[in-house]
Amino acid sequence: MTIFNLNTLEPHAFIDALGAIFEHSPWVAASVTDQRPFSSLTALHAAMCKAMRAASRDQQLELIRAHPELAARISMTSDSVAEQRGAGLDSLTPTEHAALLGLNRAYRARFGFPFILAVKGKDKNDVRAALEARVHHDLGQEFQTALEEIEKIARFRLEALISS
């Protein structure tokens, strides 16, 4: 798909095409439908991130909570499955898996939402190191970091969907 194709879609088709860019949150795509045409993937991504940042804190929290925990063996979107597989989180040893689950539990207990990390280009050791470091952040810092990571994830997903 190209930017041109996205710009010419009917609004409902545009939302369908981009609804999964922000995990289980098609409202982000819906909020930028009327801003078309976008001149580039970068312009589209910036508009979607601006819409996410302009949302209420409750909507942002709902978006954060829509993401699966890393290394959790639960039903996930195909994008999440592929992203976690790329970081080797689908082939952890039992010890590594238990350690990540324990860190995830500590993180969720501290912040009330799952640990979010754009894992593209990272491996299981990078994921664990980031989780170990970020579990010590304060809530405000970690909330903002989660949104920043969601923006990175969205960029990767748009790049995978849109060709120049």
N, C-alpha and C. Protein backbone atom coordinates (compact mmCIF):
# COMPACT_ATOMS: atom_id res chain seq x y z
N MET A 1 0.85 -1.17 0.00
CA MET A 1 0.00 0.00 0.00
C MET A 1 0.90 1.23 0.00
N THR A 2 0.43 2.29 -0.62
CA THR A 2 1.18 3.54 -0.65
C THR A 2 0.40 4.63 0.07
N ILE A 3 1.07 5.73 0.34
CA ILE A 3 0.37 6.88 0.94
C ILE A 3 -0.76 7.31 0.02
N PHE A 4 -0.50 7.34 -1.28
CA PHE A 4 -1.54 7.73 -2.22
C PHE A 4 -2.78 6.85 -2.06
N ASN A 5 -2.58 5.54 -1.97
CA ASN A 5 -3.71 4.62 -1.80
C ASN A 5 -4.47 4.92 -0.51
N LEU A 6 -3.74 5.16 0.57
CA LEU A 6 -4.39 5.47 1.85
C LEU A 6 -5.18 6.77 1.75
N ASN A 7 -4.62 7.75 1.07
CA ASN A 7 -5.28 9.05 0.95
C ASN A 7 -6.58 8.98 0.17
N THR A 8 -6.71 7.99 -0.71
CA THR A 8 -7.90 7.89 -1.55
C THR A 8 -8.96 6.93 -1.01
N LEU A 9 -8.67 6.25 0.07
CA LEU A 9 -9.64 5.32 0.66
C LEU A 9 -10.82 6.07 1.26
N GLU A 10 -11.96 5.42 1.24
CA GLU A 10 -13.12 5.94 1.98
C GLU A 10 -12.74 5.97 3.47
N PRO A 11 -13.32 6.86 4.25
CA PRO A 11 -12.95 6.96 5.67
C PRO A 11 -12.99 5.63 6.42
N HIS A 12 -14.05 4.84 6.23
CA HIS A 12 -14.13 3.56 6.96
C HIS A 12 -13.01 2.61 6.53
N ALA A 13 -12.64 2.63 5.26
CA ALA A 13 -11.57 1.76 4.77
C ALA A 13 -10.21 2.24 5.28
N PHE A 14 -10.05 3.55 5.38
CA PHE A 14 -8.82 4.12 5.95
C PHE A 14 -8.65 3.67 7.39
N ILE A 15 -9.73 3.75 8.15
CA ILE A 15 -9.69 3.33 9.56
C ILE A 15 -9.44 1.83 9.65
N ASP A 16 -10.07 1.05 8.80
CA ASP A 16 -9.82 -0.40 8.79
C ASP A 16 -8.36 -0.70 8.47
N ALA A 17 -7.79 0.02 7.52
CA ALA A 17 -6.41 -0.23 7.10
C ALA A 17 -5.41 0.14 8.19
N LEU A 18 -5.71 1.18 8.97
CA LEU A 18 -4.75 1.69 9.96
C LEU A 18 -5.18 1.47 11.41
N GLY A 19 -6.30 0.82 11.61
CA GLY A 19 -6.84 0.66 12.96
C GLY A 19 -5.95 -0.10 13.92
N ALA A 20 -5.07 -0.96 13.42
CA ALA A 20 -4.21 -1.77 14.30
C ALA A 20 -2.82 -1.15 14.48
N ILE A 21 -2.56 -0.03 13.86
CA ILE A 21 -1.24 0.60 14.00
C ILE A 21 -0.98 0.93 15.47
N PHE A 22 -1.99 1.46 16.13
CA PHE A 22 -1.95 1.68 17.58
C PHE A 22 -2.81 0.57 18.18
N GLU A 23 -2.21 -0.33 18.91
CA GLU A 23 -2.78 -1.59 19.38
C GLU A 23 -4.24 -1.47 19.85
N HIS A 24 -5.13 -2.16 19.15
CA HIS A 24 -6.55 -2.23 19.50
C HIS A 24 -7.15 -0.84 19.72
N SER A 25 -6.68 0.16 18.98
CA SER A 25 -7.13 1.54 19.18
C SER A 25 -7.41 2.23 17.84
N PRO A 26 -8.42 1.80 17.12
CA PRO A 26 -8.72 2.42 15.83
C PRO A 26 -9.13 3.89 15.93
N TRP A 27 -9.41 4.35 17.15
CA TRP A 27 -9.77 5.76 17.33
C TRP A 27 -8.63 6.68 16.90
N VAL A 28 -7.40 6.20 16.97
CA VAL A 28 -6.26 7.04 16.56
C VAL A 28 -6.35 7.29 15.05
N ALA A 29 -6.55 6.24 14.28
CA ALA A 29 -6.70 6.41 12.82
C ALA A 29 -7.94 7.24 12.50
N ALA A 30 -9.02 7.00 13.23
CA ALA A 30 -10.26 7.75 12.98
C ALA A 30 -10.04 9.24 13.20
N SER A 31 -9.19 9.59 14.18
CA SER A 31 -8.99 11.02 14.47
C SER A 31 -8.21 11.77 13.41
N VAL A 32 -7.54 11.06 12.51
CA VAL A 32 -6.75 11.76 11.48
C VAL A 32 -7.34 11.61 10.09
N THR A 33 -8.44 10.92 9.96
CA THR A 33 -9.05 10.68 8.65
C THR A 33 -9.29 11.98 7.89
N ASP A 34 -9.81 12.98 8.57
CA ASP A 34 -10.15 14.25 7.91
C ASP A 34 -8.94 15.13 7.62
N GLN A 35 -7.76 14.71 8.05
CA GLN A 35 -6.55 15.49 7.80
C GLN A 35 -5.88 15.11 6.48
N ARG A 36 -6.42 14.11 5.80
CA ARG A 36 -5.83 13.69 4.53
C ARG A 36 -5.99 14.78 3.49
N PRO A 37 -5.11 14.82 2.50
CA PRO A 37 -4.08 13.85 2.18
C PRO A 37 -2.80 14.09 2.98
N PHE A 38 -2.12 12.98 3.27
CA PHE A 38 -0.81 13.04 3.91
C PHE A 38 0.25 12.97 2.82
N SER A 39 1.27 13.79 2.97
CA SER A 39 2.31 13.84 1.93
C SER A 39 3.32 12.72 2.05
N SER A 40 3.39 12.11 3.24
CA SER A 40 4.40 11.06 3.47
C SER A 40 4.00 10.21 4.66
N LEU A 41 4.71 9.11 4.79
CA LEU A 41 4.54 8.26 5.96
C LEU A 41 4.87 9.05 7.22
N THR A 42 5.89 9.88 7.16
CA THR A 42 6.29 10.69 8.31
C THR A 42 5.17 11.63 8.73
N ALA A 43 4.52 12.25 7.75
CA ALA A 43 3.42 13.17 8.06
C ALA A 43 2.24 12.42 8.69
N LEU A 44 1.94 11.24 8.16
CA LEU A 44 0.86 10.42 8.72
C LEU A 44 1.20 10.01 10.15
N HIS A 45 2.40 9.52 10.36
CA HIS A 45 2.82 9.10 11.69
C HIS A 45 2.75 10.27 12.67
N ALA A 46 3.22 11.43 12.26
CA ALA A 46 3.19 12.61 13.14
C ALA A 46 1.76 12.98 13.51
N ALA A 47 0.86 12.92 12.55
CA ALA A 47 -0.55 13.24 12.83
C ALA A 47 -1.16 12.24 13.80
N MET A 48 -0.85 10.96 13.60
CA MET A 48 -1.40 9.94 14.49
C MET A 48 -0.83 10.09 15.90
N CYS A 49 0.45 10.39 16.01
CA CYS A 49 1.05 10.58 17.33
C CYS A 49 0.47 11.82 18.02
N LYS A 50 0.25 12.86 17.25
CA LYS A 50 -0.35 14.08 17.81
C LYS A 50 -1.76 13.79 18.34
N ALA A 51 -2.52 12.99 17.59
CA ALA A 51 -3.88 12.62 18.02
C ALA A 51 -3.81 11.80 19.31
N MET A 52 -2.85 10.88 19.39
CA MET A 52 -2.70 10.07 20.60
C MET A 52 -2.32 10.97 21.78
N ARG A 53 -1.41 11.90 21.56
CA ARG A 53 -0.96 12.79 22.64
C ARG A 53 -2.06 13.75 23.08
N ALA A 54 -2.98 14.09 22.16
CA ALA A 54 -4.08 15.00 22.50
C ALA A 54 -5.23 14.29 23.22
N ALA A 55 -5.21 12.99 23.23
CA ALA A 55 -6.28 12.21 23.89
C ALA A 55 -6.22 12.42 25.40
N SER A 56 -7.31 12.09 26.04
CA SER A 56 -7.34 12.19 27.49
C SER A 56 -6.38 11.18 28.11
N ARG A 57 -5.99 11.43 29.32
CA ARG A 57 -5.10 10.49 30.02
C ARG A 57 -5.75 9.11 30.12
N ASP A 58 -7.07 9.08 30.34
CA ASP A 58 -7.79 7.80 30.41
C ASP A 58 -7.70 7.05 29.09
N GLN A 59 -7.83 7.77 27.96
CA GLN A 59 -7.72 7.12 26.65
C GLN A 59 -6.30 6.62 26.42
N GLN A 60 -5.33 7.43 26.83
CA GLN A 60 -3.94 7.01 26.68
C GLN A 60 -3.65 5.77 27.54
N LEU A 61 -4.18 5.77 28.75
CA LEU A 61 -3.98 4.61 29.62
C LEU A 61 -4.64 3.37 29.03
N GLU A 62 -5.81 3.53 28.45
CA GLU A 62 -6.49 2.41 27.79
C GLU A 62 -5.63 1.88 26.64
N LEU A 63 -5.02 2.78 25.88
CA LEU A 63 -4.12 2.38 24.79
C LEU A 63 -2.92 1.61 25.33
N ILE A 64 -2.30 2.12 26.37
CA ILE A 64 -1.16 1.42 26.98
C ILE A 64 -1.58 0.03 27.44
N ARG A 65 -2.71 -0.04 28.10
CA ARG A 65 -3.18 -1.32 28.62
C ARG A 65 -3.62 -2.28 27.53
N ALA A 66 -3.84 -1.79 26.31
CA ALA A 66 -4.22 -2.66 25.20
C ALA A 66 -3.04 -3.50 24.69
N HIS A 67 -1.83 -3.12 25.07
CA HIS A 67 -0.64 -3.86 24.64
C HIS A 67 -0.44 -5.10 25.50
N PRO A 68 -0.01 -6.19 24.87
CA PRO A 68 0.27 -7.40 25.64
C PRO A 68 1.59 -7.28 26.39
N GLU A 69 1.70 -8.00 27.48
CA GLU A 69 2.97 -8.04 28.19
C GLU A 69 3.98 -8.80 27.33
N LEU A 70 5.20 -8.34 27.35
CA LEU A 70 6.25 -9.00 26.59
C LEU A 70 6.51 -10.38 27.19
N ALA A 71 6.64 -11.35 26.32
CA ALA A 71 6.91 -12.75 26.67
C ALA A 71 5.71 -13.46 27.29
N ALA A 72 4.56 -12.79 27.33
CA ALA A 72 3.36 -13.46 27.84
C ALA A 72 2.89 -14.43 26.77
N ARG A 73 2.48 -15.56 27.17
CA ARG A 73 2.01 -16.56 26.20
C ARG A 73 0.49 -16.53 26.18
N ILE A 74 0.01 -15.43 25.59
CA ILE A 74 -1.43 -15.21 25.49
C ILE A 74 -1.77 -14.92 24.04
N SER A 75 -3.04 -14.80 23.75
CA SER A 75 -3.47 -14.43 22.41
C SER A 75 -3.09 -12.97 22.15
N MET A 76 -2.40 -12.74 21.03
CA MET A 76 -1.95 -11.39 20.68
C MET A 76 -2.29 -11.12 19.22
N THR A 77 -2.24 -9.83 18.85
CA THR A 77 -2.41 -9.48 17.45
C THR A 77 -1.24 -10.06 16.66
N SER A 78 -1.44 -10.24 15.37
CA SER A 78 -0.35 -10.78 14.53
C SER A 78 0.85 -9.86 14.54
N ASP A 79 0.63 -8.55 14.63
CA ASP A 79 1.75 -7.61 14.71
C ASP A 79 2.56 -7.86 15.98
N SER A 80 1.90 -8.00 17.11
CA SER A 80 2.60 -8.23 18.38
C SER A 80 3.36 -9.56 18.36
N VAL A 81 2.74 -10.57 17.81
CA VAL A 81 3.40 -11.88 17.72
C VAL A 81 4.69 -11.76 16.92
N ALA A 82 4.61 -11.12 15.76
CA ALA A 82 5.79 -10.98 14.89
C ALA A 82 6.86 -10.13 15.56
N GLU A 83 6.47 -9.06 16.23
CA GLU A 83 7.43 -8.19 16.89
C GLU A 83 8.15 -8.93 18.01
N GLN A 84 7.41 -9.67 18.81
CA GLN A 84 8.03 -10.40 19.90
C GLN A 84 8.90 -11.56 19.38
N ARG A 85 8.46 -12.20 18.32
CA ARG A 85 9.26 -13.27 17.71
C ARG A 85 10.59 -12.70 17.24
N GLY A 86 10.57 -11.51 16.64
CA GLY A 86 11.78 -10.88 16.14
C GLY A 86 12.80 -10.62 17.24
N ALA A 87 12.34 -10.41 18.45
CA ALA A 87 13.24 -10.19 19.59
C ALA A 87 13.60 -11.49 20.30
N GLY A 88 13.11 -12.62 19.80
CA GLY A 88 13.42 -13.91 20.41
C GLY A 88 12.61 -14.23 21.64
N LEU A 89 11.51 -13.49 21.85
CA LEU A 89 10.72 -13.72 23.05
C LEU A 89 9.82 -14.94 22.95
N ASP A 90 9.75 -15.54 21.78
CA ASP A 90 8.97 -16.76 21.62
C ASP A 90 9.80 -18.01 21.86
N SER A 91 11.10 -17.83 22.10
CA SER A 91 11.98 -19.00 22.29
C SER A 91 12.84 -18.86 23.55
N LEU A 92 12.24 -18.28 24.57
CA LEU A 92 12.95 -18.16 25.85
C LEU A 92 13.08 -19.51 26.53
N THR A 93 14.14 -19.69 27.28
CA THR A 93 14.25 -20.88 28.11
C THR A 93 13.24 -20.74 29.24
N PRO A 94 12.89 -21.83 29.90
CA PRO A 94 11.96 -21.71 31.03
C PRO A 94 12.45 -20.72 32.10
N THR A 95 13.74 -20.69 32.35
CA THR A 95 14.30 -19.76 33.35
C THR A 95 14.16 -18.32 32.88
N GLU A 96 14.49 -18.06 31.60
CA GLU A 96 14.36 -16.70 31.06
C GLU A 96 12.89 -16.25 31.07
N HIS A 97 12.01 -17.16 30.69
CA HIS A 97 10.59 -16.85 30.66
C HIS A 97 10.08 -16.50 32.06
N ALA A 98 10.45 -17.30 33.03
CA ALA A 98 10.03 -17.04 34.42
C ALA A 98 10.56 -15.70 34.91
N ALA A 99 11.80 -15.38 34.57
CA ALA A 99 12.40 -14.11 35.00
C ALA A 99 11.65 -12.93 34.38
N LEU A 100 11.34 -13.01 33.08
CA LEU A 100 10.61 -11.92 32.44
C LEU A 100 9.20 -11.78 32.99
N LEU A 101 8.55 -12.91 33.24
CA LEU A 101 7.20 -12.84 33.82
C LEU A 101 7.23 -12.19 35.20
N GLY A 102 8.25 -12.52 35.99
CA GLY A 102 8.39 -11.91 37.31
C GLY A 102 8.62 -10.41 37.21
N LEU A 103 9.47 -10.00 36.29
CA LEU A 103 9.70 -8.56 36.08
C LEU A 103 8.44 -7.87 35.58
N ASN A 104 7.71 -8.53 34.67
CA ASN A 104 6.45 -7.97 34.18
C ASN A 104 5.45 -7.77 35.33
N ARG A 105 5.37 -8.76 36.22
CA ARG A 105 4.44 -8.64 37.36
C ARG A 105 4.84 -7.47 38.26
N ALA A 106 6.13 -7.35 38.53
CA ALA A 106 6.61 -6.24 39.38
C ALA A 106 6.32 -4.90 38.71
N TYR A 107 6.53 -4.84 37.42
CA TYR A 107 6.29 -3.60 36.67
C TYR A 107 4.80 -3.23 36.72
N ARG A 108 3.93 -4.21 36.41
CA ARG A 108 2.49 -3.95 36.42
C ARG A 108 2.01 -3.57 37.82
N ALA A 109 2.54 -4.21 38.84
CA ALA A 109 2.15 -3.88 40.21
C ALA A 109 2.54 -2.44 40.55
N ARG A 110 3.68 -2.01 40.06
CA ARG A 110 4.16 -0.66 40.36
C ARG A 110 3.40 0.42 39.57
N PHE A 111 3.11 0.14 38.29
CA PHE A 111 2.56 1.19 37.42
C PHE A 111 1.10 1.00 37.02
N GLY A 112 0.58 -0.22 37.11
CA GLY A 112 -0.82 -0.45 36.75
C GLY A 112 -1.05 -0.65 35.26
N PHE A 113 0.02 -0.85 34.52
CA PHE A 113 -0.08 -1.13 33.09
C PHE A 113 1.12 -1.96 32.66
N PRO A 114 1.03 -2.59 31.47
CA PRO A 114 2.12 -3.47 31.04
C PRO A 114 3.34 -2.67 30.59
N PHE A 115 4.48 -3.30 30.66
CA PHE A 115 5.74 -2.76 30.17
C PHE A 115 5.66 -2.69 28.65
N ILE A 116 5.92 -1.52 28.09
CA ILE A 116 5.86 -1.32 26.64
C ILE A 116 7.28 -1.01 26.15
N LEU A 117 7.69 -1.74 25.14
CA LEU A 117 9.00 -1.51 24.52
C LEU A 117 8.88 -1.86 23.05
N ALA A 118 9.34 -0.96 22.19
CA ALA A 118 9.42 -1.26 20.75
C ALA A 118 10.60 -2.21 20.58
N VAL A 119 10.30 -3.47 20.35
CA VAL A 119 11.34 -4.50 20.38
C VAL A 119 12.06 -4.72 19.05
N LYS A 120 11.62 -4.06 18.00
CA LYS A 120 12.28 -4.26 16.70
C LYS A 120 13.76 -3.88 16.83
N GLY A 121 14.63 -4.77 16.40
CA GLY A 121 16.06 -4.54 16.48
C GLY A 121 16.68 -4.86 17.82
N LYS A 122 15.87 -5.36 18.74
CA LYS A 122 16.35 -5.71 20.07
C LYS A 122 16.31 -7.23 20.24
N ASP A 123 17.05 -7.72 21.22
CA ASP A 123 16.99 -9.14 21.53
C ASP A 123 16.48 -9.30 22.96
N LYS A 124 16.37 -10.55 23.39
CA LYS A 124 15.80 -10.83 24.71
C LYS A 124 16.61 -10.19 25.83
N ASN A 125 17.93 -10.07 25.66
CA ASN A 125 18.75 -9.44 26.69
C ASN A 125 18.49 -7.94 26.78
N ASP A 126 18.26 -7.30 25.61
CA ASP A 126 17.91 -5.87 25.60
C ASP A 126 16.58 -5.64 26.31
N VAL A 127 15.62 -6.54 26.04
CA VAL A 127 14.30 -6.42 26.64
C VAL A 127 14.41 -6.53 28.16
N ARG A 128 15.12 -7.53 28.61
CA ARG A 128 15.26 -7.73 30.06
C ARG A 128 15.97 -6.54 30.71
N ALA A 129 17.03 -6.04 30.09
CA ALA A 129 17.77 -4.91 30.65
C ALA A 129 16.88 -3.67 30.74
N ALA A 130 16.09 -3.43 29.69
CA ALA A 130 15.19 -2.27 29.71
C ALA A 130 14.14 -2.41 30.81
N LEU A 131 13.60 -3.59 30.96
CA LEU A 131 12.60 -3.84 31.99
C LEU A 131 13.19 -3.68 33.38
N GLU A 132 14.37 -4.22 33.58
CA GLU A 132 15.03 -4.09 34.88
C GLU A 132 15.31 -2.62 35.23
N ALA A 133 15.67 -1.82 34.24
CA ALA A 133 15.97 -0.41 34.49
C ALA A 133 14.69 0.40 34.70
N ARG A 134 13.70 0.18 33.86
CA ARG A 134 12.51 1.03 33.89
C ARG A 134 11.58 0.74 35.05
N VAL A 135 11.65 -0.42 35.65
CA VAL A 135 10.78 -0.73 36.79
C VAL A 135 11.06 0.21 37.96
N HIS A 136 12.18 0.91 37.92
CA HIS A 136 12.55 1.83 39.00
C HIS A 136 12.17 3.29 38.71
N HIS A 137 11.61 3.55 37.54
CA HIS A 137 11.19 4.91 37.20
C HIS A 137 10.00 5.33 38.07
N ASP A 138 9.70 6.63 38.04
CA ASP A 138 8.47 7.07 38.70
C ASP A 138 7.32 6.97 37.69
N LEU A 139 6.09 7.03 38.18
CA LEU A 139 4.91 6.80 37.34
C LEU A 139 4.84 7.78 36.18
N GLY A 140 5.04 9.06 36.43
CA GLY A 140 4.94 10.06 35.36
C GLY A 140 5.95 9.81 34.26
N GLN A 141 7.18 9.52 34.65
CA GLN A 141 8.23 9.24 33.68
C GLN A 141 7.90 7.99 32.87
N GLU A 142 7.43 6.97 33.55
CA GLU A 142 7.16 5.71 32.86
C GLU A 142 5.94 5.80 31.96
N PHE A 143 4.94 6.58 32.36
CA PHE A 143 3.76 6.78 31.51
C PHE A 143 4.21 7.43 30.19
N GLN A 144 5.05 8.45 30.28
CA GLN A 144 5.54 9.13 29.07
C GLN A 144 6.43 8.21 28.24
N THR A 145 7.26 7.41 28.91
CA THR A 145 8.12 6.47 28.19
C THR A 145 7.27 5.45 27.44
N ALA A 146 6.20 4.98 28.07
CA ALA A 146 5.31 4.02 27.40
C ALA A 146 4.71 4.64 26.14
N LEU A 147 4.27 5.90 26.22
CA LEU A 147 3.72 6.56 25.04
C LEU A 147 4.78 6.73 23.94
N GLU A 148 6.01 7.06 24.34
CA GLU A 148 7.10 7.18 23.37
C GLU A 148 7.36 5.84 22.67
N GLU A 149 7.34 4.76 23.43
CA GLU A 149 7.56 3.44 22.85
C GLU A 149 6.41 3.05 21.92
N ILE A 150 5.20 3.43 22.27
CA ILE A 150 4.04 3.17 21.40
C ILE A 150 4.20 3.93 20.09
N GLU A 151 4.71 5.15 20.15
CA GLU A 151 4.96 5.90 18.92
C GLU A 151 5.98 5.19 18.03
N LYS A 152 7.02 4.62 18.64
CA LYS A 152 8.02 3.87 17.87
C LYS A 152 7.39 2.62 17.24
N ILE A 153 6.59 1.91 18.02
CA ILE A 153 5.92 0.71 17.51
C ILE A 153 5.03 1.09 16.32
N ALA A 154 4.29 2.19 16.47
CA ALA A 154 3.42 2.64 15.38
C ALA A 154 4.22 2.96 14.13
N ARG A 155 5.37 3.58 14.30
CA ARG A 155 6.21 3.91 13.14
C ARG A 155 6.65 2.63 12.42
N PHE A 156 7.11 1.65 13.19
CA PHE A 156 7.53 0.38 12.59
C PHE A 156 6.36 -0.28 11.84
N ARG A 157 5.19 -0.25 12.44
CA ARG A 157 4.02 -0.87 11.81
C ARG A 157 3.61 -0.13 10.53
N LEU A 158 3.68 1.20 10.56
CA LEU A 158 3.38 1.96 9.35
C LEU A 158 4.40 1.65 8.25
N GLU A 159 5.66 1.59 8.61
CA GLU A 159 6.70 1.27 7.61
C GLU A 159 6.45 -0.10 6.99
N ALA A 160 5.99 -1.04 7.79
CA ALA A 160 5.71 -2.37 7.26
C ALA A 160 4.50 -2.37 6.33
N LEU A 161 3.56 -1.48 6.58
CA LEU A 161 2.34 -1.42 5.80
C LEU A 161 2.47 -0.59 4.53
N ILE A 162 3.23 0.49 4.62
CA ILE A 162 3.25 1.48 3.53
C ILE A 162 4.59 1.44 2.81
N SER A 163 4.48 1.34 1.50
CA SER A 163 5.69 1.46 0.68
C SER A 163 5.72 2.88 0.12
N SER A 164 6.88 3.34 -0.22
CA SER A 164 7.02 4.73 -0.72
C SER A 164 6.34 4.94 -2.04
